[in-house]
Amino acid sequence: MAGTDFLTNLVNMRHFLEIAEIAFQRMKINRGQLAIIMLDIDHFKNVNDQYGHQAGDEVLSAVASRIKKSLREADIAGRYGGEEFIILLLNTPSENCFHVAERIRQAVAQPAYQIDQTVISVTISLGLACINPDQPLPLDALINCADQAMYMAKHQGRNCVVAWTENEQALDPDPTP
């Protein structure tokens, strides 16, 4: 229970990072595939403001459930904090990772969520970063790349998936001073 987020039943951030570090070390030895997906519920503050925090909690729980159902058993989904989630894809070729992220995006968006008598629609923005076995980044850098890509998805209008590339490495996801 100590490694599980009470609201979403996903692994919490601390436990996720422990699991991811072990997987990362194995990937380096076996030269396998590893990818990180960061995602954030678009305009989630509006859900809490308009429908209340209890409805917001129910949406978070339902989103987590749809994320989990969109993954293979070997993949790990965690709550990163607030309305942000993080996913570790193991042994998934990089060309398939985008399809997994898109499947998650679609699963979260449709159908809308029925909370009591209210129908709530939400979308998510996703950032994807795949490891290059020939030039592996440290795990924290890979997570940062996925986070940057997620912010790029938000800047591109939300409700989409952006895959990190080395060209985006220098972009500042939050240009405010």
N, C-alpha and C. Protein backbone atom coordinates (compact mmCIF):
# COMPACT_ATOMS: atom_id res chain seq x y z
N MET A 1 0.81 -1.20 0.00
CA MET A 1 0.00 0.00 0.00
C MET A 1 0.86 1.27 0.00
N ALA A 2 2.05 1.19 0.60
CA ALA A 2 2.89 2.38 0.69
C ALA A 2 3.33 2.87 -0.69
N GLY A 3 3.34 1.99 -1.67
CA GLY A 3 3.76 2.37 -3.01
C GLY A 3 2.62 2.69 -3.95
N THR A 4 1.40 2.72 -3.41
CA THR A 4 0.21 2.92 -4.24
C THR A 4 -0.45 4.25 -3.90
N ASP A 5 -0.85 4.97 -4.93
CA ASP A 5 -1.61 6.21 -4.75
C ASP A 5 -3.03 5.83 -4.33
N PHE A 6 -3.48 6.36 -3.21
CA PHE A 6 -4.77 5.95 -2.64
C PHE A 6 -5.94 6.29 -3.54
N LEU A 7 -5.86 7.37 -4.31
CA LEU A 7 -7.00 7.82 -5.10
C LEU A 7 -7.12 7.06 -6.41
N THR A 8 -6.00 6.83 -7.07
CA THR A 8 -6.02 6.25 -8.42
C THR A 8 -5.70 4.75 -8.45
N ASN A 9 -5.16 4.23 -7.38
CA ASN A 9 -4.69 2.84 -7.31
C ASN A 9 -3.56 2.54 -8.28
N LEU A 10 -2.92 3.59 -8.77
CA LEU A 10 -1.70 3.42 -9.55
C LEU A 10 -0.52 3.53 -8.60
N VAL A 11 0.67 3.18 -9.08
CA VAL A 11 1.84 3.36 -8.21
C VAL A 11 2.06 4.85 -7.99
N ASN A 12 2.57 5.20 -6.80
CA ASN A 12 2.87 6.60 -6.55
C ASN A 12 4.21 6.96 -7.19
N MET A 13 4.54 8.23 -7.19
CA MET A 13 5.74 8.69 -7.89
C MET A 13 7.00 8.03 -7.35
N ARG A 14 7.15 7.95 -6.04
CA ARG A 14 8.35 7.36 -5.45
C ARG A 14 8.53 5.91 -5.91
N HIS A 15 7.45 5.14 -5.81
CA HIS A 15 7.52 3.73 -6.23
C HIS A 15 7.76 3.61 -7.73
N PHE A 16 7.12 4.47 -8.50
CA PHE A 16 7.33 4.45 -9.95
C PHE A 16 8.81 4.65 -10.27
N LEU A 17 9.43 5.64 -9.63
CA LEU A 17 10.84 5.92 -9.92
C LEU A 17 11.74 4.75 -9.53
N GLU A 18 11.40 4.05 -8.46
CA GLU A 18 12.16 2.86 -8.08
C GLU A 18 12.05 1.78 -9.15
N ILE A 19 10.83 1.51 -9.59
CA ILE A 19 10.59 0.51 -10.63
C ILE A 19 11.28 0.91 -11.93
N ALA A 20 11.15 2.17 -12.30
CA ALA A 20 11.73 2.66 -13.55
C ALA A 20 13.25 2.57 -13.52
N GLU A 21 13.87 2.85 -12.40
CA GLU A 21 15.33 2.77 -12.31
C GLU A 21 15.81 1.34 -12.50
N ILE A 22 15.12 0.38 -11.91
CA ILE A 22 15.48 -1.03 -12.09
C ILE A 22 15.32 -1.42 -13.56
N ALA A 23 14.20 -1.04 -14.17
CA ALA A 23 13.95 -1.34 -15.58
C ALA A 23 15.00 -0.67 -16.46
N PHE A 24 15.37 0.55 -16.11
CA PHE A 24 16.37 1.29 -16.88
C PHE A 24 17.73 0.57 -16.83
N GLN A 25 18.12 0.12 -15.67
CA GLN A 25 19.40 -0.60 -15.54
C GLN A 25 19.38 -1.90 -16.34
N ARG A 26 18.26 -2.62 -16.31
CA ARG A 26 18.12 -3.85 -17.11
C ARG A 26 18.19 -3.53 -18.60
N MET A 27 17.53 -2.45 -18.99
CA MET A 27 17.53 -2.05 -20.39
C MET A 27 18.95 -1.78 -20.86
N LYS A 28 19.75 -1.12 -20.04
CA LYS A 28 21.13 -0.82 -20.43
C LYS A 28 21.94 -2.10 -20.61
N ILE A 29 21.73 -3.07 -19.75
CA ILE A 29 22.46 -4.35 -19.84
C ILE A 29 22.00 -5.14 -21.05
N ASN A 30 20.69 -5.23 -21.23
CA ASN A 30 20.11 -6.06 -22.30
C ASN A 30 19.92 -5.32 -23.62
N ARG A 31 20.21 -4.00 -23.62
CA ARG A 31 20.02 -3.17 -24.79
C ARG A 31 18.58 -3.28 -25.32
N GLY A 32 17.65 -3.22 -24.41
CA GLY A 32 16.23 -3.32 -24.75
C GLY A 32 15.61 -1.97 -25.04
N GLN A 33 14.31 -1.98 -25.13
CA GLN A 33 13.53 -0.77 -25.42
C GLN A 33 12.87 -0.27 -24.13
N LEU A 34 12.80 1.03 -24.02
CA LEU A 34 12.15 1.64 -22.87
C LEU A 34 11.64 3.01 -23.29
N ALA A 35 10.45 3.35 -22.84
CA ALA A 35 9.88 4.67 -23.17
C ALA A 35 9.12 5.20 -21.96
N ILE A 36 9.06 6.51 -21.88
CA ILE A 36 8.30 7.21 -20.84
C ILE A 36 7.24 8.05 -21.53
N ILE A 37 6.03 7.98 -20.99
CA ILE A 37 4.94 8.85 -21.42
C ILE A 37 4.54 9.69 -20.21
N MET A 38 4.52 10.98 -20.39
CA MET A 38 3.98 11.89 -19.38
C MET A 38 2.66 12.41 -19.93
N LEU A 39 1.65 12.49 -19.07
CA LEU A 39 0.38 13.03 -19.53
C LEU A 39 -0.27 13.85 -18.44
N ASP A 40 -1.04 14.81 -18.88
CA ASP A 40 -1.69 15.75 -17.99
C ASP A 40 -3.12 15.96 -18.48
N ILE A 41 -4.07 15.98 -17.55
CA ILE A 41 -5.46 16.23 -17.93
C ILE A 41 -5.60 17.72 -18.28
N ASP A 42 -6.09 17.97 -19.46
CA ASP A 42 -6.24 19.34 -19.95
C ASP A 42 -7.30 20.09 -19.14
N HIS A 43 -6.95 21.30 -18.73
CA HIS A 43 -7.87 22.20 -18.03
C HIS A 43 -8.54 21.54 -16.82
N PHE A 44 -7.80 20.74 -16.08
CA PHE A 44 -8.39 20.01 -14.96
C PHE A 44 -8.90 20.95 -13.86
N LYS A 45 -8.27 22.08 -13.70
CA LYS A 45 -8.72 23.05 -12.69
C LYS A 45 -10.18 23.42 -12.94
N ASN A 46 -10.56 23.51 -14.21
CA ASN A 46 -11.96 23.83 -14.54
C ASN A 46 -12.92 22.75 -14.04
N VAL A 47 -12.48 21.48 -14.09
CA VAL A 47 -13.33 20.40 -13.58
C VAL A 47 -13.57 20.61 -12.10
N ASN A 48 -12.51 20.84 -11.35
CA ASN A 48 -12.66 21.06 -9.90
C ASN A 48 -13.49 22.31 -9.61
N ASP A 49 -13.24 23.38 -10.36
CA ASP A 49 -13.97 24.63 -10.12
C ASP A 49 -15.44 24.51 -10.47
N GLN A 50 -15.75 23.83 -11.56
CA GLN A 50 -17.14 23.77 -12.03
C GLN A 50 -17.95 22.68 -11.33
N TYR A 51 -17.33 21.53 -11.03
CA TYR A 51 -18.10 20.39 -10.52
C TYR A 51 -17.74 20.02 -9.08
N GLY A 52 -16.67 20.60 -8.54
CA GLY A 52 -16.26 20.31 -7.17
C GLY A 52 -15.12 19.30 -7.12
N HIS A 53 -14.43 19.30 -6.00
CA HIS A 53 -13.26 18.45 -5.86
C HIS A 53 -13.61 16.96 -5.78
N GLN A 54 -14.76 16.63 -5.26
CA GLN A 54 -15.15 15.23 -5.22
C GLN A 54 -15.33 14.69 -6.64
N ALA A 55 -15.98 15.46 -7.49
CA ALA A 55 -16.13 15.05 -8.90
C ALA A 55 -14.76 14.99 -9.56
N GLY A 56 -13.88 15.96 -9.23
CA GLY A 56 -12.53 15.94 -9.77
C GLY A 56 -11.79 14.68 -9.37
N ASP A 57 -11.94 14.27 -8.11
CA ASP A 57 -11.30 13.03 -7.65
C ASP A 57 -11.84 11.82 -8.40
N GLU A 58 -13.15 11.82 -8.64
CA GLU A 58 -13.74 10.70 -9.38
C GLU A 58 -13.24 10.67 -10.82
N VAL A 59 -13.06 11.83 -11.43
CA VAL A 59 -12.51 11.88 -12.78
C VAL A 59 -11.07 11.37 -12.77
N LEU A 60 -10.26 11.79 -11.80
CA LEU A 60 -8.88 11.30 -11.70
C LEU A 60 -8.85 9.78 -11.60
N SER A 61 -9.71 9.23 -10.77
CA SER A 61 -9.77 7.78 -10.59
C SER A 61 -10.19 7.09 -11.89
N ALA A 62 -11.18 7.65 -12.57
CA ALA A 62 -11.66 7.05 -13.82
C ALA A 62 -10.61 7.16 -14.93
N VAL A 63 -9.92 8.29 -15.01
CA VAL A 63 -8.85 8.44 -16.00
C VAL A 63 -7.77 7.41 -15.74
N ALA A 64 -7.38 7.25 -14.48
CA ALA A 64 -6.35 6.26 -14.12
C ALA A 64 -6.78 4.86 -14.55
N SER A 65 -8.04 4.54 -14.35
CA SER A 65 -8.55 3.23 -14.74
C SER A 65 -8.45 3.03 -16.25
N ARG A 66 -8.79 4.05 -17.02
CA ARG A 66 -8.71 3.93 -18.49
C ARG A 66 -7.27 3.84 -18.96
N ILE A 67 -6.38 4.55 -18.29
CA ILE A 67 -4.95 4.43 -18.64
C ILE A 67 -4.50 3.00 -18.43
N LYS A 68 -4.80 2.47 -17.25
CA LYS A 68 -4.38 1.11 -16.89
C LYS A 68 -4.93 0.08 -17.89
N LYS A 69 -6.19 0.23 -18.28
CA LYS A 69 -6.81 -0.71 -19.22
C LYS A 69 -6.20 -0.61 -20.62
N SER A 70 -5.54 0.50 -20.92
CA SER A 70 -4.94 0.71 -22.24
C SER A 70 -3.54 0.13 -22.34
N LEU A 71 -3.01 -0.36 -21.22
CA LEU A 71 -1.63 -0.84 -21.19
C LEU A 71 -1.57 -2.35 -21.09
N ARG A 72 -0.39 -2.87 -21.41
CA ARG A 72 -0.12 -4.28 -21.16
C ARG A 72 0.19 -4.46 -19.68
N GLU A 73 0.10 -5.68 -19.21
CA GLU A 73 0.36 -5.94 -17.80
C GLU A 73 1.78 -5.57 -17.39
N ALA A 74 2.73 -5.69 -18.29
CA ALA A 74 4.14 -5.40 -17.98
C ALA A 74 4.43 -3.91 -17.88
N ASP A 75 3.59 -3.08 -18.47
CA ASP A 75 3.81 -1.63 -18.43
C ASP A 75 3.37 -1.09 -17.07
N ILE A 76 3.98 0.02 -16.67
CA ILE A 76 3.72 0.60 -15.35
C ILE A 76 3.14 2.00 -15.52
N ALA A 77 2.01 2.23 -14.87
CA ALA A 77 1.40 3.57 -14.86
C ALA A 77 1.44 4.09 -13.43
N GLY A 78 1.77 5.35 -13.30
CA GLY A 78 1.83 5.95 -11.98
C GLY A 78 1.23 7.34 -11.97
N ARG A 79 0.87 7.77 -10.78
CA ARG A 79 0.42 9.15 -10.62
C ARG A 79 1.64 9.97 -10.27
N TYR A 80 1.92 10.94 -11.12
CA TYR A 80 3.11 11.76 -10.94
C TYR A 80 2.84 12.87 -9.94
N GLY A 81 1.61 13.31 -9.89
CA GLY A 81 1.21 14.37 -8.96
C GLY A 81 0.04 15.12 -9.54
N GLY A 82 -0.87 15.56 -8.68
CA GLY A 82 -2.01 16.32 -9.16
C GLY A 82 -2.75 15.57 -10.25
N GLU A 83 -2.85 16.20 -11.42
CA GLU A 83 -3.53 15.55 -12.56
C GLU A 83 -2.53 15.06 -13.60
N GLU A 84 -1.29 14.86 -13.18
CA GLU A 84 -0.26 14.33 -14.08
C GLU A 84 -0.01 12.85 -13.80
N PHE A 85 0.17 12.12 -14.88
CA PHE A 85 0.45 10.69 -14.80
C PHE A 85 1.72 10.40 -15.59
N ILE A 86 2.35 9.28 -15.25
CA ILE A 86 3.57 8.87 -15.94
C ILE A 86 3.46 7.38 -16.23
N ILE A 87 3.97 6.99 -17.39
CA ILE A 87 3.87 5.60 -17.83
C ILE A 87 5.24 5.13 -18.30
N LEU A 88 5.57 3.91 -17.93
CA LEU A 88 6.79 3.26 -18.37
C LEU A 88 6.40 2.14 -19.31
N LEU A 89 6.84 2.23 -20.56
CA LEU A 89 6.59 1.18 -21.54
C LEU A 89 7.86 0.35 -21.66
N LEU A 90 7.72 -0.94 -21.45
CA LEU A 90 8.87 -1.83 -21.50
C LEU A 90 8.85 -2.65 -22.78
N ASN A 91 10.01 -2.79 -23.39
CA ASN A 91 10.19 -3.63 -24.57
C ASN A 91 9.14 -3.35 -25.64
N THR A 92 8.91 -2.08 -25.87
CA THR A 92 8.00 -1.65 -26.93
C THR A 92 8.83 -0.91 -27.96
N PRO A 93 8.88 -1.42 -29.19
CA PRO A 93 9.65 -0.70 -30.21
C PRO A 93 9.19 0.75 -30.32
N SER A 94 10.13 1.65 -30.54
CA SER A 94 9.82 3.07 -30.55
C SER A 94 8.71 3.42 -31.53
N GLU A 95 8.66 2.71 -32.66
CA GLU A 95 7.61 3.02 -33.64
C GLU A 95 6.22 2.65 -33.12
N ASN A 96 6.12 1.77 -32.12
CA ASN A 96 4.82 1.41 -31.55
C ASN A 96 4.43 2.29 -30.36
N CYS A 97 5.39 2.96 -29.75
CA CYS A 97 5.12 3.76 -28.56
C CYS A 97 4.12 4.88 -28.84
N PHE A 98 4.24 5.52 -29.99
CA PHE A 98 3.30 6.58 -30.34
C PHE A 98 1.88 6.03 -30.43
N HIS A 99 1.74 4.83 -30.99
CA HIS A 99 0.41 4.22 -31.10
C HIS A 99 -0.18 3.92 -29.72
N VAL A 100 0.67 3.49 -28.79
CA VAL A 100 0.20 3.25 -27.42
C VAL A 100 -0.28 4.56 -26.81
N ALA A 101 0.51 5.61 -26.95
CA ALA A 101 0.13 6.92 -26.40
C ALA A 101 -1.18 7.41 -27.03
N GLU A 102 -1.33 7.24 -28.31
CA GLU A 102 -2.56 7.66 -28.98
C GLU A 102 -3.75 6.83 -28.50
N ARG A 103 -3.55 5.55 -28.28
CA ARG A 103 -4.63 4.69 -27.76
C ARG A 103 -5.07 5.18 -26.38
N ILE A 104 -4.12 5.57 -25.54
CA ILE A 104 -4.43 6.11 -24.22
C ILE A 104 -5.21 7.41 -24.36
N ARG A 105 -4.75 8.29 -25.24
CA ARG A 105 -5.43 9.57 -25.45
C ARG A 105 -6.90 9.35 -25.83
N GLN A 106 -7.13 8.44 -26.75
CA GLN A 106 -8.49 8.18 -27.20
C GLN A 106 -9.33 7.53 -26.09
N ALA A 107 -8.74 6.62 -25.34
CA ALA A 107 -9.48 5.93 -24.27
C ALA A 107 -9.91 6.91 -23.17
N VAL A 108 -9.05 7.88 -22.87
CA VAL A 108 -9.39 8.85 -21.83
C VAL A 108 -10.48 9.80 -22.32
N ALA A 109 -10.44 10.17 -23.58
CA ALA A 109 -11.38 11.17 -24.11
C ALA A 109 -12.79 10.63 -24.32
N GLN A 110 -12.93 9.37 -24.66
CA GLN A 110 -14.24 8.82 -25.00
C GLN A 110 -14.47 7.50 -24.32
N PRO A 111 -15.62 7.26 -23.79
CA PRO A 111 -16.75 8.18 -23.68
C PRO A 111 -16.55 9.16 -22.52
N ALA A 112 -17.41 10.15 -22.46
CA ALA A 112 -17.36 11.13 -21.37
C ALA A 112 -17.62 10.41 -20.05
N TYR A 113 -17.29 11.07 -18.95
CA TYR A 113 -17.40 10.48 -17.62
C TYR A 113 -18.74 10.84 -17.00
N GLN A 114 -19.45 9.85 -16.49
CA GLN A 114 -20.72 10.06 -15.82
C GLN A 114 -20.43 10.10 -14.32
N ILE A 115 -20.55 11.29 -13.72
CA ILE A 115 -20.34 11.48 -12.30
C ILE A 115 -21.68 11.93 -11.72
N ASP A 116 -22.32 11.06 -10.96
CA ASP A 116 -23.68 11.30 -10.47
C ASP A 116 -24.57 11.61 -11.67
N GLN A 117 -25.18 12.77 -11.70
CA GLN A 117 -26.07 13.14 -12.81
C GLN A 117 -25.38 14.00 -13.85
N THR A 118 -24.06 14.14 -13.72
CA THR A 118 -23.31 15.06 -14.58
C THR A 118 -22.42 14.29 -15.54
N VAL A 119 -22.36 14.76 -16.77
CA VAL A 119 -21.45 14.20 -17.77
C VAL A 119 -20.28 15.17 -17.91
N ILE A 120 -19.08 14.65 -17.71
CA ILE A 120 -17.88 15.48 -17.76
C ILE A 120 -16.95 14.93 -18.84
N SER A 121 -16.58 15.79 -19.76
CA SER A 121 -15.64 15.41 -20.81
C SER A 121 -14.26 15.96 -20.47
N VAL A 122 -13.25 15.14 -20.63
CA VAL A 122 -11.87 15.60 -20.44
C VAL A 122 -10.99 15.05 -21.56
N THR A 123 -9.94 15.76 -21.81
CA THR A 123 -8.92 15.31 -22.75
C THR A 123 -7.57 15.36 -22.03
N ILE A 124 -6.57 14.78 -22.66
CA ILE A 124 -5.23 14.78 -22.09
C ILE A 124 -4.21 15.18 -23.15
N SER A 125 -3.11 15.73 -22.66
CA SER A 125 -1.95 16.03 -23.50
C SER A 125 -0.86 15.07 -23.08
N LEU A 126 -0.21 14.45 -24.06
CA LEU A 126 0.80 13.43 -23.77
C LEU A 126 2.13 13.78 -24.41
N GLY A 127 3.20 13.51 -23.67
CA GLY A 127 4.56 13.63 -24.18
C GLY A 127 5.22 12.28 -24.10
N LEU A 128 5.93 11.93 -25.13
CA LEU A 128 6.56 10.62 -25.26
C LEU A 128 8.05 10.77 -25.49
N ALA A 129 8.83 9.99 -24.78
CA ALA A 129 10.28 9.95 -25.01
C ALA A 129 10.73 8.49 -24.98
N CYS A 130 11.37 8.05 -26.06
CA CYS A 130 11.88 6.69 -26.17
C CYS A 130 13.39 6.71 -26.01
N ILE A 131 13.89 5.66 -25.41
CA ILE A 131 15.34 5.58 -25.20
C ILE A 131 15.99 5.07 -26.47
N ASN A 132 17.13 5.62 -26.78
CA ASN A 132 17.95 5.13 -27.87
C ASN A 132 19.01 4.22 -27.26
N PRO A 133 18.93 2.89 -27.50
CA PRO A 133 19.88 1.98 -26.85
C PRO A 133 21.35 2.30 -27.18
N ASP A 134 21.60 2.98 -28.30
CA ASP A 134 22.97 3.32 -28.65
C ASP A 134 23.49 4.53 -27.89
N GLN A 135 22.59 5.42 -27.46
CA GLN A 135 22.97 6.61 -26.70
C GLN A 135 21.94 6.86 -25.60
N PRO A 136 21.90 5.96 -24.60
CA PRO A 136 20.86 6.12 -23.58
C PRO A 136 21.07 7.35 -22.71
N LEU A 137 20.00 8.09 -22.52
CA LEU A 137 20.00 9.21 -21.59
C LEU A 137 19.83 8.66 -20.18
N PRO A 138 20.27 9.37 -19.18
CA PRO A 138 19.93 8.97 -17.81
C PRO A 138 18.41 9.01 -17.64
N LEU A 139 17.89 8.22 -16.71
CA LEU A 139 16.45 8.11 -16.52
C LEU A 139 15.81 9.47 -16.24
N ASP A 140 16.42 10.28 -15.38
CA ASP A 140 15.82 11.58 -15.08
C ASP A 140 15.78 12.48 -16.31
N ALA A 141 16.77 12.35 -17.19
CA ALA A 141 16.76 13.13 -18.42
C ALA A 141 15.66 12.64 -19.37
N LEU A 142 15.45 11.33 -19.41
CA LEU A 142 14.39 10.77 -20.26
C LEU A 142 13.02 11.25 -19.78
N ILE A 143 12.82 11.26 -18.47
CA ILE A 143 11.57 11.76 -17.91
C ILE A 143 11.40 13.24 -18.25
N ASN A 144 12.47 14.00 -18.15
CA ASN A 144 12.42 15.42 -18.49
C ASN A 144 12.06 15.62 -19.96
N CYS A 145 12.60 14.78 -20.83
CA CYS A 145 12.27 14.88 -22.26
C CYS A 145 10.78 14.61 -22.50
N ALA A 146 10.23 13.59 -21.82
CA ALA A 146 8.80 13.30 -21.96
C ALA A 146 7.98 14.47 -21.43
N ASP A 147 8.45 15.08 -20.34
CA ASP A 147 7.76 16.23 -19.77
C ASP A 147 7.78 17.42 -20.74
N GLN A 148 8.94 17.66 -21.36
CA GLN A 148 9.03 18.73 -22.36
C GLN A 148 8.08 18.48 -23.52
N ALA A 149 8.02 17.23 -23.98
CA ALA A 149 7.13 16.88 -25.08
C ALA A 149 5.67 17.09 -24.69
N MET A 150 5.33 16.78 -23.43
CA MET A 150 3.96 17.00 -22.95
C MET A 150 3.62 18.49 -23.01
N TYR A 151 4.55 19.33 -22.59
CA TYR A 151 4.30 20.78 -22.66
C TYR A 151 4.19 21.24 -24.11
N MET A 152 4.93 20.61 -25.00
CA MET A 152 4.79 20.93 -26.43
C MET A 152 3.37 20.57 -26.90
N ALA A 153 2.85 19.44 -26.42
CA ALA A 153 1.48 19.04 -26.78
C ALA A 153 0.48 20.08 -26.30
N LYS A 154 0.70 20.60 -25.11
CA LYS A 154 -0.19 21.65 -24.59
C LYS A 154 -0.10 22.91 -25.44
N HIS A 155 1.12 23.27 -25.83
CA HIS A 155 1.31 24.47 -26.65
C HIS A 155 0.76 24.29 -28.06
N GLN A 156 0.63 23.05 -28.50
CA GLN A 156 0.10 22.79 -29.84
C GLN A 156 -1.42 22.64 -29.83
N GLY A 157 -2.06 22.95 -28.71
CA GLY A 157 -3.52 22.95 -28.68
C GLY A 157 -4.15 21.91 -27.79
N ARG A 158 -3.37 21.10 -27.12
CA ARG A 158 -3.85 20.07 -26.21
C ARG A 158 -4.52 18.91 -26.96
N ASN A 159 -4.87 17.88 -26.17
CA ASN A 159 -5.55 16.70 -26.71
C ASN A 159 -4.77 16.08 -27.87
N CYS A 160 -3.45 15.95 -27.65
CA CYS A 160 -2.62 15.32 -28.68
C CYS A 160 -1.40 14.69 -28.03
N VAL A 161 -0.67 13.94 -28.85
CA VAL A 161 0.57 13.29 -28.42
C VAL A 161 1.72 13.95 -29.16
N VAL A 162 2.77 14.30 -28.43
CA VAL A 162 4.00 14.80 -29.05
C VAL A 162 5.14 13.90 -28.62
N ALA A 163 5.89 13.43 -29.59
CA ALA A 163 7.08 12.62 -29.31
C ALA A 163 8.29 13.53 -29.25
N TRP A 164 9.08 13.37 -28.21
CA TRP A 164 10.30 14.18 -28.03
C TRP A 164 11.32 13.79 -29.09
N THR A 165 11.96 14.80 -29.64
CA THR A 165 13.08 14.56 -30.53
C THR A 165 14.24 15.41 -30.03
N GLU A 166 15.42 15.10 -30.47
CA GLU A 166 16.59 15.86 -30.02
C GLU A 166 16.49 17.33 -30.41
N ASN A 167 15.73 17.66 -31.44
CA ASN A 167 15.55 19.06 -31.85
C ASN A 167 14.78 19.85 -30.81
N GLU A 168 13.93 19.17 -30.02
CA GLU A 168 13.14 19.85 -29.01
C GLU A 168 13.87 19.94 -27.68
N GLN A 169 15.03 19.33 -27.62
CA GLN A 169 15.77 19.24 -26.36
C GLN A 169 16.00 20.61 -25.72
N ALA A 170 16.27 21.61 -26.52
CA ALA A 170 16.62 22.91 -25.96
C ALA A 170 15.41 23.80 -25.70
N LEU A 171 14.21 23.35 -26.06
CA LEU A 171 13.03 24.19 -25.87
C LEU A 171 12.67 24.30 -24.40
N ASP A 172 12.32 25.47 -24.00
CA ASP A 172 11.89 25.72 -22.62
C ASP A 172 10.37 25.54 -22.59
N PRO A 173 9.85 24.54 -21.84
CA PRO A 173 8.42 24.31 -21.84
C PRO A 173 7.63 25.40 -21.15
N ASP A 174 8.28 26.22 -20.33
CA ASP A 174 7.57 27.29 -19.65
C ASP A 174 8.33 28.59 -19.86
N PRO A 175 7.99 29.32 -20.92
CA PRO A 175 8.77 30.50 -21.27
C PRO A 175 8.51 31.71 -20.37
N THR A 176 7.61 31.61 -19.40
CA THR A 176 7.35 32.76 -18.53
C THR A 176 8.54 32.98 -17.61
N PRO A 177 8.85 34.22 -17.29
CA PRO A 177 10.02 34.50 -16.44
C PRO A 177 9.80 34.05 -15.01
